[in-house]
Amino acid sequence: MGNQIGLTVIYMVAIALLLVFNELVYRRLGLKGEITRKFAHFTATLSTITFPYLFDNHWYVLFMAVAFFILLFVSRHRTYLKSIHDIQRISIGSYLLPVSIYLTFLVSHKLDNKFLFILPILVLAICDPVAGILGINLQQYNHKIKLFGHELQKTWLGSLSFFVSCFIISLIALYFNQEQINLQVFLIAFTVAFVSTIAEMLSWKGSDNMFIPMSVLLVLVILL
């Protein structure tokens, strides 16, 4: 128990230092909030990949999720963590991130399958920022997606980059998990990429931070 508490403290300090570094970069270099927000999303989310190997009880992860949820919620109405909140759109994504990480960990822990946490978090950490940065910054020949006469907030380039990166990551992760490449692995990787791309495409106001890992998790639970 002592080691688990120590790991929890170390991780929380490390994430706090990451947020401080991110804030300093934002203030000193004058970067756009969208960029520093995506950097924090990528590094913080990716760092949780080791959770299934470090924590044998979900309560430690819940404690961290609650702590960072409160920090992000309170900072939204203060002058700090502008590197996270200085964006032009309305988004609840920062609040949902620790919640979705905990829920993914909880399901993975209850089903005793580390891979059910690893792949959803990889997709959330890497594919979401890739889609966001390309969709926002590459405007030429890039248009908002329209479905049934309704214009979505996502772009064709952003969704395409999400699908391609998700398929590649899923294929590599499944190869190491299954220790083989066959038609079934390709089909699972394609299904993960397709379903999570749809989830990302249809999400709004940052809810993709919840829908992406949950959609990947659902596919893996059904197909694995």
C-alpha atoms as a PDB file:
ATOM      1  CA  MET A   1       0.000   0.000   0.000  1.00  0.00           C
ATOM      2  CA  GLY A   2       2.865   2.352   0.820  1.00  0.00           C
ATOM      3  CA  ASN A   3       4.375   1.914  -2.639  1.00  0.00           C
ATOM      4  CA  GLN A   4       1.004   2.645  -4.281  1.00  0.00           C
ATOM      5  CA  ILE A   5       0.606   5.860  -2.297  1.00  0.00           C
ATOM      6  CA  GLY A   6       4.160   6.871  -3.150  1.00  0.00           C
ATOM      7  CA  LEU A   7       3.548   6.248  -6.863  1.00  0.00           C
ATOM      8  CA  THR A   8       0.361   8.293  -6.674  1.00  0.00           C
ATOM      9  CA  VAL A   9       2.212  11.239  -5.128  1.00  0.00           C
ATOM     10  CA  ILE A  10       5.069  10.989  -7.639  1.00  0.00           C
ATOM     11  CA  TYR A  11       2.678  10.907 -10.575  1.00  0.00           C
ATOM     12  CA  MET A  12       0.650  13.874  -9.314  1.00  0.00           C
ATOM     13  CA  VAL A  13       3.808  15.926  -8.772  1.00  0.00           C
ATOM     14  CA  ALA A  14       5.050  15.007 -12.249  1.00  0.00           C
ATOM     15  CA  ILE A  15       1.781  16.081 -13.895  1.00  0.00           C
ATOM     16  CA  ALA A  16       1.772  19.299 -11.855  1.00  0.00           C
ATOM     17  CA  LEU A  17       5.301  20.068 -13.085  1.00  0.00           C
ATOM     18  CA  LEU A  18       4.199  19.309 -16.635  1.00  0.00           C
ATOM     19  CA  LEU A  19       1.335  21.797 -16.320  1.00  0.00           C
ATOM     20  CA  VAL A  20       3.729  24.422 -14.917  1.00  0.00           C
ATOM     21  CA  PHE A  21       6.147  23.836 -17.808  1.00  0.00           C
ATOM     22  CA  ASN A  22       3.286  24.051 -20.289  1.00  0.00           C
ATOM     23  CA  GLU A  23       2.140  27.326 -18.747  1.00  0.00           C
ATOM     24  CA  LEU A  24       5.656  28.810 -18.893  1.00  0.00           C
ATOM     25  CA  VAL A  25       6.007  27.867 -22.557  1.00  0.00           C
ATOM     26  CA  TYR A  26       2.611  29.419 -23.291  1.00  0.00           C
ATOM     27  CA  ARG A  27       3.491  32.686 -21.535  1.00  0.00           C
ATOM     28  CA  ARG A  28       7.108  33.026 -22.690  1.00  0.00           C
ATOM     29  CA  LEU A  29       6.745  31.942 -26.329  1.00  0.00           C
ATOM     30  CA  GLY A  30       3.261  33.301 -26.878  1.00  0.00           C
ATOM     31  CA  LEU A  31       1.985  30.090 -28.446  1.00  0.00           C
ATOM     32  CA  LYS A  32      -1.687  29.616 -29.227  1.00  0.00           C
ATOM     33  CA  GLY A  33      -3.737  28.004 -26.507  1.00  0.00           C
ATOM     34  CA  GLU A  34      -4.803  25.288 -28.949  1.00  0.00           C
ATOM     35  CA  ILE A  35      -1.174  24.188 -29.345  1.00  0.00           C
ATOM     36  CA  THR A  36      -0.227  24.132 -25.657  1.00  0.00           C
ATOM     37  CA  ARG A  37      -3.556  22.487 -24.829  1.00  0.00           C
ATOM     38  CA  LYS A  38      -2.859  19.670 -27.308  1.00  0.00           C
ATOM     39  CA  PHE A  39       0.690  19.272 -25.970  1.00  0.00           C
ATOM     40  CA  ALA A  40      -0.606  18.916 -22.408  1.00  0.00           C
ATOM     41  CA  HIS A  41      -3.281  16.495 -23.613  1.00  0.00           C
ATOM     42  CA  PHE A  42      -0.706  14.353 -25.413  1.00  0.00           C
ATOM     43  CA  THR A  43       1.927  14.207 -22.666  1.00  0.00           C
ATOM     44  CA  ALA A  44      -0.431  13.860 -19.695  1.00  0.00           C
ATOM     45  CA  THR A  45      -2.607  11.210 -21.323  1.00  0.00           C
ATOM     46  CA  LEU A  46       0.312   9.212 -22.700  1.00  0.00           C
ATOM     47  CA  SER A  47       1.981   9.161 -19.285  1.00  0.00           C
ATOM     48  CA  THR A  48      -0.961   7.189 -17.871  1.00  0.00           C
ATOM     49  CA  ILE A  49      -0.175   4.202 -20.120  1.00  0.00           C
ATOM     50  CA  THR A  50       1.769   2.647 -17.237  1.00  0.00           C
ATOM     51  CA  PHE A  51      -1.210   2.746 -14.836  1.00  0.00           C
ATOM     52  CA  PRO A  52      -2.181  -0.940 -15.258  1.00  0.00           C
ATOM     53  CA  TYR A  53       1.385  -1.928 -14.325  1.00  0.00           C
ATOM     54  CA  LEU A  54       1.712   0.501 -11.400  1.00  0.00           C
ATOM     55  CA  PHE A  55      -1.649   0.375  -9.645  1.00  0.00           C
ATOM     56  CA  ASP A  56      -3.474  -2.756  -8.534  1.00  0.00           C
ATOM     57  CA  ASN A  57      -6.403  -0.807  -7.095  1.00  0.00           C
ATOM     58  CA  HIS A  58      -8.615   1.641  -8.994  1.00  0.00           C
ATOM     59  CA  TRP A  59      -9.081   3.899  -5.951  1.00  0.00           C
ATOM     60  CA  TYR A  60      -5.660   5.486  -6.458  1.00  0.00           C
ATOM     61  CA  VAL A  61      -6.538   6.367 -10.040  1.00  0.00           C
ATOM     62  CA  LEU A  62      -9.911   7.691  -8.908  1.00  0.00           C
ATOM     63  CA  PHE A  63      -8.197   9.938  -6.344  1.00  0.00           C
ATOM     64  CA  MET A  64      -5.922  11.412  -9.030  1.00  0.00           C
ATOM     65  CA  ALA A  65      -8.815  11.841 -11.452  1.00  0.00           C
ATOM     66  CA  VAL A  66     -10.874  13.740  -8.879  1.00  0.00           C
ATOM     67  CA  ALA A  67      -7.896  15.911  -7.888  1.00  0.00           C
ATOM     68  CA  PHE A  68      -7.094  16.964 -11.449  1.00  0.00           C
ATOM     69  CA  PHE A  69     -10.779  17.407 -12.305  1.00  0.00           C
ATOM     70  CA  ILE A  70     -11.096  19.893  -9.423  1.00  0.00           C
ATOM     71  CA  LEU A  71      -7.859  21.641 -10.438  1.00  0.00           C
ATOM     72  CA  LEU A  72      -8.978  22.052 -14.044  1.00  0.00           C
ATOM     73  CA  PHE A  73     -12.482  23.138 -13.069  1.00  0.00           C
ATOM     74  CA  VAL A  74     -11.283  25.752 -10.569  1.00  0.00           C
ATOM     75  CA  SER A  75      -8.534  27.071 -12.857  1.00  0.00           C
ATOM     76  CA  ARG A  76     -11.095  27.677 -15.619  1.00  0.00           C
ATOM     77  CA  HIS A  77     -12.353  30.682 -13.680  1.00  0.00           C
ATOM     78  CA  ARG A  78      -8.951  31.942 -12.547  1.00  0.00           C
ATOM     79  CA  THR A  79      -5.910  33.489 -14.216  1.00  0.00           C
ATOM     80  CA  TYR A  80      -3.776  30.351 -14.171  1.00  0.00           C
ATOM     81  CA  LEU A  81      -3.576  27.443 -16.613  1.00  0.00           C
ATOM     82  CA  LYS A  82      -4.393  29.724 -19.550  1.00  0.00           C
ATOM     83  CA  SER A  83      -2.321  27.304 -21.613  1.00  0.00           C
ATOM     84  CA  ILE A  84      -5.203  24.874 -21.202  1.00  0.00           C
ATOM     85  CA  HIS A  85      -8.217  27.170 -21.252  1.00  0.00           C
ATOM     86  CA  ASP A  86      -7.247  29.908 -23.746  1.00  0.00           C
ATOM     87  CA  ILE A  87      -9.237  28.646 -26.731  1.00  0.00           C
ATOM     88  CA  GLN A  88     -11.909  30.302 -28.844  1.00  0.00           C
ATOM     89  CA  ARG A  89     -14.412  27.454 -28.623  1.00  0.00           C
ATOM     90  CA  ILE A  90     -16.485  26.187 -25.727  1.00  0.00           C
ATOM     91  CA  SER A  91     -15.084  22.871 -24.521  1.00  0.00           C
ATOM     92  CA  ILE A  92     -15.559  20.549 -21.581  1.00  0.00           C
ATOM     93  CA  GLY A  93     -12.801  18.251 -22.847  1.00  0.00           C
ATOM     94  CA  SER A  94     -10.283  19.119 -20.143  1.00  0.00           C
ATOM     95  CA  TYR A  95     -12.776  18.138 -17.423  1.00  0.00           C
ATOM     96  CA  LEU A  96     -13.734  14.905 -19.164  1.00  0.00           C
ATOM     97  CA  LEU A  97     -10.136  13.759 -19.691  1.00  0.00           C
ATOM     98  CA  PRO A  98      -9.425  12.573 -16.108  1.00  0.00           C
ATOM     99  CA  VAL A  99     -12.934  11.079 -15.942  1.00  0.00           C
ATOM    100  CA  SER A 100     -12.483   9.049 -19.128  1.00  0.00           C
ATOM    101  CA  ILE A 101      -9.016   7.864 -18.075  1.00  0.00           C
ATOM    102  CA  TYR A 102     -10.426   6.608 -14.770  1.00  0.00           C
ATOM    103  CA  LEU A 103     -13.434   4.878 -16.356  1.00  0.00           C
ATOM    104  CA  THR A 104     -11.214   3.165 -18.934  1.00  0.00           C
ATOM    105  CA  PHE A 105      -8.865   2.024 -16.183  1.00  0.00           C
ATOM    106  CA  LEU A 106     -11.785   0.781 -14.081  1.00  0.00           C
ATOM    107  CA  VAL A 107     -13.170  -1.410 -16.882  1.00  0.00           C
ATOM    108  CA  SER A 108      -9.701  -2.707 -17.734  1.00  0.00           C
ATOM    109  CA  HIS A 109      -9.020  -3.477 -14.076  1.00  0.00           C
ATOM    110  CA  LYS A 110     -12.349  -5.224 -13.509  1.00  0.00           C
ATOM    111  CA  LEU A 111     -11.924  -7.362 -16.642  1.00  0.00           C
ATOM    112  CA  ASP A 112      -8.261  -8.005 -15.756  1.00  0.00           C
ATOM    113  CA  ASN A 113      -7.011  -7.030 -19.201  1.00  0.00           C
ATOM    114  CA  LYS A 114      -4.349  -4.318 -19.406  1.00  0.00           C
ATOM    115  CA  PHE A 115      -4.744  -4.006 -23.171  1.00  0.00           C
ATOM    116  CA  LEU A 116      -8.290  -2.685 -22.670  1.00  0.00           C
ATOM    117  CA  PHE A 117      -6.682   0.369 -21.097  1.00  0.00           C
ATOM    118  CA  ILE A 118      -3.564   0.695 -23.229  1.00  0.00           C
ATOM    119  CA  LEU A 119      -5.070   0.914 -26.727  1.00  0.00           C
ATOM    120  CA  PRO A 120      -7.924   3.348 -25.885  1.00  0.00           C
ATOM    121  CA  ILE A 121      -5.463   5.640 -24.119  1.00  0.00           C
ATOM    122  CA  LEU A 122      -2.972   5.452 -27.001  1.00  0.00           C
ATOM    123  CA  VAL A 123      -5.699   6.447 -29.441  1.00  0.00           C
ATOM    124  CA  LEU A 124      -6.885   9.260 -27.181  1.00  0.00           C
ATOM    125  CA  ALA A 125      -3.357  10.551 -26.530  1.00  0.00           C
ATOM    126  CA  ILE A 126      -2.073  10.495 -30.117  1.00  0.00           C
ATOM    127  CA  CYS A 127      -4.899  10.464 -32.656  1.00  0.00           C
ATOM    128  CA  ASP A 128      -7.060  13.155 -31.085  1.00  0.00           C
ATOM    129  CA  PRO A 129      -4.292  15.822 -31.007  1.00  0.00           C
ATOM    130  CA  VAL A 130      -3.186  14.874 -34.538  1.00  0.00           C
ATOM    131  CA  ALA A 131      -6.722  15.332 -35.851  1.00  0.00           C
ATOM    132  CA  GLY A 132      -7.195  18.564 -33.918  1.00  0.00           C
ATOM    133  CA  ILE A 133      -3.964  20.226 -35.015  1.00  0.00           C
ATOM    134  CA  LEU A 134      -4.306  19.280 -38.684  1.00  0.00           C
ATOM    135  CA  GLY A 135      -7.994  20.102 -38.785  1.00  0.00           C
ATOM    136  CA  ILE A 136      -7.501  23.557 -37.282  1.00  0.00           C
ATOM    137  CA  ASN A 137      -4.226  24.673 -38.883  1.00  0.00           C
ATOM    138  CA  LEU A 138      -4.509  23.317 -42.440  1.00  0.00           C
ATOM    139  CA  GLN A 139      -7.372  25.285 -43.909  1.00  0.00           C
ATOM    140  CA  GLN A 140      -6.679  25.006 -47.628  1.00  0.00           C
ATOM    141  CA  TYR A 141      -8.763  22.300 -49.338  1.00  0.00           C
ATOM    142  CA  ASN A 142     -10.161  21.424 -45.931  1.00  0.00           C
ATOM    143  CA  HIS A 143     -13.857  21.771 -45.175  1.00  0.00           C
ATOM    144  CA  LYS A 144     -16.281  21.080 -42.360  1.00  0.00           C
ATOM    145  CA  ILE A 145     -18.062  17.740 -42.605  1.00  0.00           C
ATOM    146  CA  LYS A 146     -21.743  17.892 -43.549  1.00  0.00           C
ATOM    147  CA  LEU A 147     -24.126  15.045 -42.749  1.00  0.00           C
ATOM    148  CA  PHE A 148     -27.785  15.113 -43.748  1.00  0.00           C
ATOM    149  CA  GLY A 149     -27.631  18.857 -44.250  1.00  0.00           C
ATOM    150  CA  HIS A 150     -26.016  19.562 -40.858  1.00  0.00           C
ATOM    151  CA  GLU A 151     -22.505  20.989 -40.640  1.00  0.00           C
ATOM    152  CA  LEU A 152     -20.375  19.287 -38.006  1.00  0.00           C
ATOM    153  CA  GLN A 153     -17.542  20.920 -36.092  1.00  0.00           C
ATOM    154  CA  LYS A 154     -15.046  18.414 -37.504  1.00  0.00           C
ATOM    155  CA  THR A 155     -13.172  18.697 -40.799  1.00  0.00           C
ATOM    156  CA  TRP A 156     -12.516  16.089 -43.481  1.00  0.00           C
ATOM    157  CA  LEU A 157      -8.742  16.346 -43.065  1.00  0.00           C
ATOM    158  CA  GLY A 158      -8.972  16.078 -39.277  1.00  0.00           C
ATOM    159  CA  SER A 159     -11.206  12.999 -39.396  1.00  0.00           C
ATOM    160  CA  LEU A 160      -9.126  11.352 -42.119  1.00  0.00           C
ATOM    161  CA  SER A 161      -5.903  11.896 -40.165  1.00  0.00           C
ATOM    162  CA  PHE A 162      -7.613  10.478 -37.066  1.00  0.00           C
ATOM    163  CA  PHE A 163      -8.697   7.346 -38.937  1.00  0.00           C
ATOM    164  CA  VAL A 164      -5.290   6.699 -40.532  1.00  0.00           C
ATOM    165  CA  SER A 165      -3.302   7.281 -37.330  1.00  0.00           C
ATOM    166  CA  CYS A 166      -5.774   5.203 -35.303  1.00  0.00           C
ATOM    167  CA  PHE A 167      -5.621   2.306 -37.745  1.00  0.00           C
ATOM    168  CA  ILE A 168      -1.796   2.273 -37.699  1.00  0.00           C
ATOM    169  CA  ILE A 169      -1.579   2.521 -33.910  1.00  0.00           C
ATOM    170  CA  SER A 170      -4.252  -0.158 -33.445  1.00  0.00           C
ATOM    171  CA  LEU A 171      -2.516  -2.486 -35.889  1.00  0.00           C
ATOM    172  CA  ILE A 172       0.843  -2.131 -34.130  1.00  0.00           C
ATOM    173  CA  ALA A 173      -0.675  -2.486 -30.643  1.00  0.00           C
ATOM    174  CA  LEU A 174      -2.731  -5.520 -31.656  1.00  0.00           C
ATOM    175  CA  TYR A 175       0.340  -7.122 -33.213  1.00  0.00           C
ATOM    176  CA  PHE A 176       2.246  -6.900 -29.921  1.00  0.00           C
ATOM    177  CA  ASN A 177      -0.822  -8.029 -27.980  1.00  0.00           C
ATOM    178  CA  GLN A 178      -1.717 -10.977 -30.230  1.00  0.00           C
ATOM    179  CA  GLU A 179       1.886 -11.704 -31.338  1.00  0.00           C
ATOM    180  CA  GLN A 180       0.723 -12.201 -34.903  1.00  0.00           C
ATOM    181  CA  ILE A 181      -0.636 -10.400 -37.936  1.00  0.00           C
ATOM    182  CA  ASN A 182      -3.592 -11.989 -39.672  1.00  0.00           C
ATOM    183  CA  LEU A 183      -6.926 -11.030 -41.196  1.00  0.00           C
ATOM    184  CA  GLN A 184      -8.635 -10.920 -37.808  1.00  0.00           C
ATOM    185  CA  VAL A 185      -6.081  -8.429 -36.490  1.00  0.00           C
ATOM    186  CA  PHE A 186      -6.567  -6.224 -39.568  1.00  0.00           C
ATOM    187  CA  LEU A 187     -10.340  -6.353 -39.163  1.00  0.00           C
ATOM    188  CA  ILE A 188     -10.192  -5.454 -35.466  1.00  0.00           C
ATOM    189  CA  ALA A 189      -7.786  -2.571 -36.170  1.00  0.00           C
ATOM    190  CA  PHE A 190     -10.036  -1.313 -38.974  1.00  0.00           C
ATOM    191  CA  THR A 191     -13.142  -1.564 -36.771  1.00  0.00           C
ATOM    192  CA  VAL A 192     -11.429   0.287 -33.928  1.00  0.00           C
ATOM    193  CA  ALA A 193     -10.342   3.052 -36.320  1.00  0.00           C
ATOM    194  CA  PHE A 194     -13.748   3.297 -38.013  1.00  0.00           C
ATOM    195  CA  VAL A 195     -15.873   3.318 -34.850  1.00  0.00           C
ATOM    196  CA  SER A 196     -13.630   5.731 -32.950  1.00  0.00           C
ATOM    197  CA  THR A 197     -13.459   8.069 -35.970  1.00  0.00           C
ATOM    198  CA  ILE A 198     -17.257   8.188 -36.063  1.00  0.00           C
ATOM    199  CA  ALA A 199     -17.304   8.829 -32.306  1.00  0.00           C
ATOM    200  CA  GLU A 200     -14.778  11.656 -32.710  1.00  0.00           C
ATOM    201  CA  MET A 201     -16.630  13.074 -35.700  1.00  0.00           C
ATOM    202  CA  LEU A 202     -20.006  13.216 -33.936  1.00  0.00           C
ATOM    203  CA  SER A 203     -18.710  14.541 -30.618  1.00  0.00           C
ATOM    204  CA  TRP A 204     -19.153  18.158 -29.595  1.00  0.00           C
ATOM    205  CA  LYS A 205     -17.603  20.655 -27.182  1.00  0.00           C
ATOM    206  CA  GLY A 206     -14.728  18.364 -26.214  1.00  0.00           C
ATOM    207  CA  SER A 207     -16.864  15.309 -25.470  1.00  0.00           C
ATOM    208  CA  ASP A 208     -14.550  13.313 -27.762  1.00  0.00           C
ATOM    209  CA  ASN A 209     -12.273  12.914 -24.740  1.00  0.00           C
ATOM    210  CA  MET A 210     -14.958  10.607 -23.391  1.00  0.00           C
ATOM    211  CA  PHE A 211     -16.390   9.105 -26.575  1.00  0.00           C
ATOM    212  CA  ILE A 212     -13.060   8.118 -28.159  1.00  0.00           C
ATOM    213  CA  PRO A 213     -11.710   5.804 -25.415  1.00  0.00           C
ATOM    214  CA  MET A 214     -15.190   4.452 -24.666  1.00  0.00           C
ATOM    215  CA  SER A 215     -15.757   3.547 -28.336  1.00  0.00           C
ATOM    216  CA  VAL A 216     -12.366   1.830 -28.607  1.00  0.00           C
ATOM    217  CA  LEU A 217     -13.020   0.002 -25.348  1.00  0.00           C
ATOM    218  CA  LEU A 218     -16.427  -1.172 -26.576  1.00  0.00           C
ATOM    219  CA  VAL A 219     -14.982  -2.593 -29.811  1.00  0.00           C
ATOM    220  CA  LEU A 220     -12.219  -4.427 -27.942  1.00  0.00           C
ATOM    221  CA  VAL A 221     -14.599  -5.909 -25.384  1.00  0.00           C
ATOM    222  CA  ILE A 222     -16.825  -7.212 -28.197  1.00  0.00           C
ATOM    223  CA  LEU A 223     -14.164  -8.449 -30.618  1.00  0.00           C
ATOM    224  CA  LEU A 224     -11.301  -9.644 -28.430  1.00  0.00           C
END
